[in-house]
Amino acid sequence: MKQLDLSKLSFEDALSQLENIVRELESGKIKLDDAVEIYEKATTLKKFCEDKLRAAQLKVEKINIAADGVVTTEPLDKIEE
């Protein structure tokens, strides 16, 4: 399989490619050798998307504004539901 260049790929583009691959595989109209190759590409794209989401999640913070107007932030995962 040709190496997939992810360096210039956005999350949205990777997700779109992944969705197209899934549709193509689900159609059942693809040769086995081609299916194996695009499945490998899909696996790479899936990992790329998961890594991008994980990185974005680490950047998300809850913004708190106190009664006196002081603004603070805390990691989003500390928010109690």
N, C-alpha and C. Protein backbone atom coordinates (compact mmCIF):
# COMPACT_ATOMS: atom_id res chain seq x y z
N MET A 1 0.84 -1.19 0.00
CA MET A 1 0.00 0.00 0.00
C MET A 1 0.88 1.24 0.00
N LYS A 2 0.50 2.21 -0.79
CA LYS A 2 1.21 3.49 -0.83
C LYS A 2 1.02 4.21 0.50
N GLN A 3 2.12 4.80 1.01
CA GLN A 3 2.08 5.52 2.29
C GLN A 3 1.11 6.70 2.20
N LEU A 4 0.23 6.82 3.15
CA LEU A 4 -0.75 7.89 3.20
C LEU A 4 -0.13 9.12 3.86
N ASP A 5 -0.12 10.26 3.15
CA ASP A 5 0.44 11.50 3.70
C ASP A 5 -0.64 12.24 4.48
N LEU A 6 -0.51 12.23 5.78
CA LEU A 6 -1.49 12.87 6.65
C LEU A 6 -1.09 14.27 7.06
N SER A 7 0.11 14.70 6.70
CA SER A 7 0.64 15.97 7.19
C SER A 7 -0.19 17.18 6.76
N LYS A 8 -0.85 17.12 5.63
CA LYS A 8 -1.63 18.27 5.15
C LYS A 8 -3.14 18.01 5.20
N LEU A 9 -3.52 16.97 5.91
CA LEU A 9 -4.91 16.56 5.94
C LEU A 9 -5.60 17.13 7.19
N SER A 10 -6.75 17.75 6.98
CA SER A 10 -7.52 18.24 8.12
C SER A 10 -8.35 17.09 8.68
N PHE A 11 -8.85 17.29 9.88
CA PHE A 11 -9.73 16.29 10.49
C PHE A 11 -10.95 16.04 9.61
N GLU A 12 -11.54 17.13 9.11
CA GLU A 12 -12.76 17.01 8.30
C GLU A 12 -12.50 16.24 7.00
N ASP A 13 -11.36 16.51 6.37
CA ASP A 13 -11.02 15.79 5.14
C ASP A 13 -10.78 14.31 5.42
N ALA A 14 -10.09 14.02 6.51
CA ALA A 14 -9.83 12.62 6.87
C ALA A 14 -11.13 11.90 7.17
N LEU A 15 -12.02 12.55 7.89
CA LEU A 15 -13.31 11.95 8.22
C LEU A 15 -14.13 11.70 6.96
N SER A 16 -14.11 12.64 6.04
CA SER A 16 -14.83 12.48 4.77
C SER A 16 -14.28 11.29 3.98
N GLN A 17 -12.97 11.18 3.92
CA GLN A 17 -12.36 10.05 3.22
C GLN A 17 -12.74 8.73 3.89
N LEU A 18 -12.73 8.74 5.21
CA LEU A 18 -13.10 7.54 5.96
C LEU A 18 -14.55 7.15 5.69
N GLU A 19 -15.45 8.12 5.66
CA GLU A 19 -16.86 7.84 5.35
C GLU A 19 -17.02 7.27 3.95
N ASN A 20 -16.27 7.81 2.98
CA ASN A 20 -16.34 7.30 1.61
C ASN A 20 -15.85 5.86 1.54
N ILE A 21 -14.80 5.55 2.27
CA ILE A 21 -14.27 4.18 2.28
C ILE A 21 -15.30 3.22 2.86
N VAL A 22 -15.93 3.63 3.95
CA VAL A 22 -16.95 2.78 4.57
C VAL A 22 -18.08 2.50 3.59
N ARG A 23 -18.55 3.53 2.89
CA ARG A 23 -19.62 3.34 1.89
C ARG A 23 -19.17 2.38 0.80
N GLU A 24 -17.92 2.55 0.35
CA GLU A 24 -17.39 1.70 -0.71
C GLU A 24 -17.30 0.25 -0.25
N LEU A 25 -16.83 0.03 0.96
CA LEU A 25 -16.73 -1.33 1.49
C LEU A 25 -18.11 -1.94 1.70
N GLU A 26 -19.05 -1.14 2.18
CA GLU A 26 -20.40 -1.65 2.42
C GLU A 26 -21.14 -1.98 1.13
N SER A 27 -20.75 -1.36 0.03
CA SER A 27 -21.42 -1.61 -1.24
C SER A 27 -21.22 -3.04 -1.73
N GLY A 28 -20.10 -3.64 -1.32
CA GLY A 28 -19.82 -5.01 -1.74
C GLY A 28 -19.41 -5.13 -3.19
N LYS A 29 -19.16 -4.02 -3.85
CA LYS A 29 -18.83 -4.03 -5.28
C LYS A 29 -17.35 -3.77 -5.50
N ILE A 30 -16.52 -4.23 -4.59
CA ILE A 30 -15.10 -3.96 -4.68
C ILE A 30 -14.35 -5.29 -4.62
N LYS A 31 -13.27 -5.38 -5.39
CA LYS A 31 -12.47 -6.59 -5.41
C LYS A 31 -11.78 -6.77 -4.06
N LEU A 32 -11.53 -8.03 -3.72
CA LEU A 32 -10.95 -8.35 -2.42
C LEU A 32 -9.61 -7.64 -2.19
N ASP A 33 -8.72 -7.68 -3.16
CA ASP A 33 -7.42 -7.03 -3.00
C ASP A 33 -7.57 -5.53 -2.76
N ASP A 34 -8.48 -4.92 -3.51
CA ASP A 34 -8.73 -3.48 -3.33
C ASP A 34 -9.35 -3.21 -1.96
N ALA A 35 -10.23 -4.11 -1.53
CA ALA A 35 -10.90 -3.94 -0.23
C ALA A 35 -9.87 -3.99 0.90
N VAL A 36 -8.92 -4.90 0.80
CA VAL A 36 -7.89 -4.99 1.83
C VAL A 36 -7.06 -3.72 1.86
N GLU A 37 -6.71 -3.20 0.71
CA GLU A 37 -5.90 -1.98 0.64
C GLU A 37 -6.63 -0.77 1.22
N ILE A 38 -7.89 -0.60 0.84
CA ILE A 38 -8.60 0.57 1.37
C ILE A 38 -8.98 0.38 2.83
N TYR A 39 -9.11 -0.87 3.28
CA TYR A 39 -9.34 -1.11 4.71
C TYR A 39 -8.13 -0.64 5.51
N GLU A 40 -6.93 -0.92 5.00
CA GLU A 40 -5.71 -0.47 5.66
C GLU A 40 -5.65 1.06 5.69
N LYS A 41 -6.08 1.69 4.62
CA LYS A 41 -6.12 3.16 4.57
C LYS A 41 -7.13 3.67 5.60
N ALA A 42 -8.27 3.00 5.69
CA ALA A 42 -9.30 3.40 6.64
C ALA A 42 -8.79 3.31 8.07
N THR A 43 -8.03 2.29 8.36
CA THR A 43 -7.47 2.12 9.70
C THR A 43 -6.54 3.28 10.04
N THR A 44 -5.72 3.68 9.08
CA THR A 44 -4.81 4.81 9.28
C THR A 44 -5.60 6.10 9.49
N LEU A 45 -6.63 6.32 8.68
CA LEU A 45 -7.46 7.52 8.81
C LEU A 45 -8.20 7.55 10.15
N LYS A 46 -8.68 6.39 10.58
CA LYS A 46 -9.39 6.30 11.87
C LYS A 46 -8.47 6.71 13.01
N LYS A 47 -7.26 6.19 13.02
CA LYS A 47 -6.30 6.54 14.06
C LYS A 47 -5.97 8.04 14.02
N PHE A 48 -5.80 8.58 12.82
CA PHE A 48 -5.53 10.00 12.65
C PHE A 48 -6.66 10.83 13.25
N CYS A 49 -7.91 10.48 12.95
CA CYS A 49 -9.07 11.21 13.47
C CYS A 49 -9.14 11.09 14.99
N GLU A 50 -8.91 9.90 15.53
CA GLU A 50 -8.94 9.72 16.98
C GLU A 50 -7.86 10.57 17.66
N ASP A 51 -6.67 10.61 17.08
CA ASP A 51 -5.58 11.41 17.64
C ASP A 51 -5.92 12.89 17.61
N LYS A 52 -6.52 13.36 16.50
CA LYS A 52 -6.92 14.77 16.40
C LYS A 52 -7.98 15.11 17.45
N LEU A 53 -8.95 14.23 17.62
CA LEU A 53 -10.00 14.47 18.62
C LEU A 53 -9.43 14.49 20.03
N ARG A 54 -8.52 13.57 20.32
CA ARG A 54 -7.90 13.51 21.64
C ARG A 54 -7.12 14.81 21.91
N ALA A 55 -6.39 15.28 20.91
CA ALA A 55 -5.62 16.52 21.07
C ALA A 55 -6.55 17.71 21.30
N ALA A 56 -7.65 17.77 20.57
CA ALA A 56 -8.61 18.86 20.74
C ALA A 56 -9.25 18.81 22.11
N GLN A 57 -9.56 17.61 22.56
CA GLN A 57 -10.19 17.44 23.86
C GLN A 57 -9.28 17.96 24.98
N LEU A 58 -7.99 17.76 24.84
CA LEU A 58 -7.06 18.23 25.86
C LEU A 58 -7.00 19.75 25.91
N LYS A 59 -7.37 20.42 24.84
CA LYS A 59 -7.31 21.87 24.77
C LYS A 59 -8.58 22.55 25.29
N VAL A 60 -9.66 21.79 25.36
CA VAL A 60 -10.94 22.37 25.77
C VAL A 60 -10.94 22.60 27.27
N GLU A 61 -11.33 23.78 27.65
CA GLU A 61 -11.38 24.14 29.06
C GLU A 61 -12.71 24.82 29.39
N LYS A 62 -13.09 24.69 30.62
CA LYS A 62 -14.27 25.37 31.12
C LYS A 62 -13.85 26.76 31.58
N ILE A 63 -14.57 27.78 31.17
CA ILE A 63 -14.28 29.16 31.57
C ILE A 63 -15.23 29.52 32.72
N ASN A 64 -14.65 29.97 33.82
CA ASN A 64 -15.43 30.39 34.99
C ASN A 64 -15.27 31.89 35.18
N ILE A 65 -16.39 32.56 35.43
CA ILE A 65 -16.35 33.99 35.73
C ILE A 65 -16.94 34.16 37.13
N ALA A 66 -16.10 34.59 38.06
CA ALA A 66 -16.53 34.78 39.45
C ALA A 66 -17.40 36.03 39.56
N ALA A 67 -18.08 36.15 40.67
CA ALA A 67 -18.95 37.30 40.92
C ALA A 67 -18.19 38.62 40.84
N ASP A 68 -16.90 38.59 41.20
CA ASP A 68 -16.10 39.82 41.14
C ASP A 68 -15.50 40.07 39.76
N GLY A 69 -15.86 39.21 38.78
CA GLY A 69 -15.40 39.41 37.40
C GLY A 69 -14.10 38.73 37.05
N VAL A 70 -13.49 38.03 38.01
CA VAL A 70 -12.23 37.32 37.75
C VAL A 70 -12.52 36.09 36.89
N VAL A 71 -11.74 35.97 35.80
CA VAL A 71 -11.92 34.86 34.87
C VAL A 71 -10.85 33.81 35.14
N THR A 72 -11.29 32.57 35.31
CA THR A 72 -10.37 31.45 35.47
C THR A 72 -10.80 30.33 34.54
N THR A 73 -9.89 29.39 34.32
CA THR A 73 -10.24 28.22 33.51
C THR A 73 -9.83 26.96 34.26
N GLU A 74 -10.47 25.87 33.90
CA GLU A 74 -10.11 24.56 34.45
C GLU A 74 -10.37 23.53 33.36
N PRO A 75 -9.67 22.40 33.43
CA PRO A 75 -9.89 21.35 32.42
C PRO A 75 -11.35 20.93 32.37
N LEU A 76 -11.85 20.69 31.20
CA LEU A 76 -13.25 20.34 31.01
C LEU A 76 -13.61 19.05 31.74
N ASP A 77 -12.69 18.12 31.85
CA ASP A 77 -13.00 16.84 32.47
C ASP A 77 -13.24 16.94 33.98
N LYS A 78 -13.00 18.10 34.57
CA LYS A 78 -13.27 18.30 35.99
C LYS A 78 -14.69 18.79 36.25
N ILE A 79 -15.44 19.04 35.17
CA ILE A 79 -16.82 19.54 35.33
C ILE A 79 -17.68 18.41 35.89
N GLU A 80 -18.37 18.71 36.96
CA GLU A 80 -19.26 17.72 37.56
C GLU A 80 -20.64 17.90 36.97
N GLU A 81 -21.26 16.77 36.67
CA GLU A 81 -22.60 16.82 36.06
C GLU A 81 -23.66 16.65 37.10
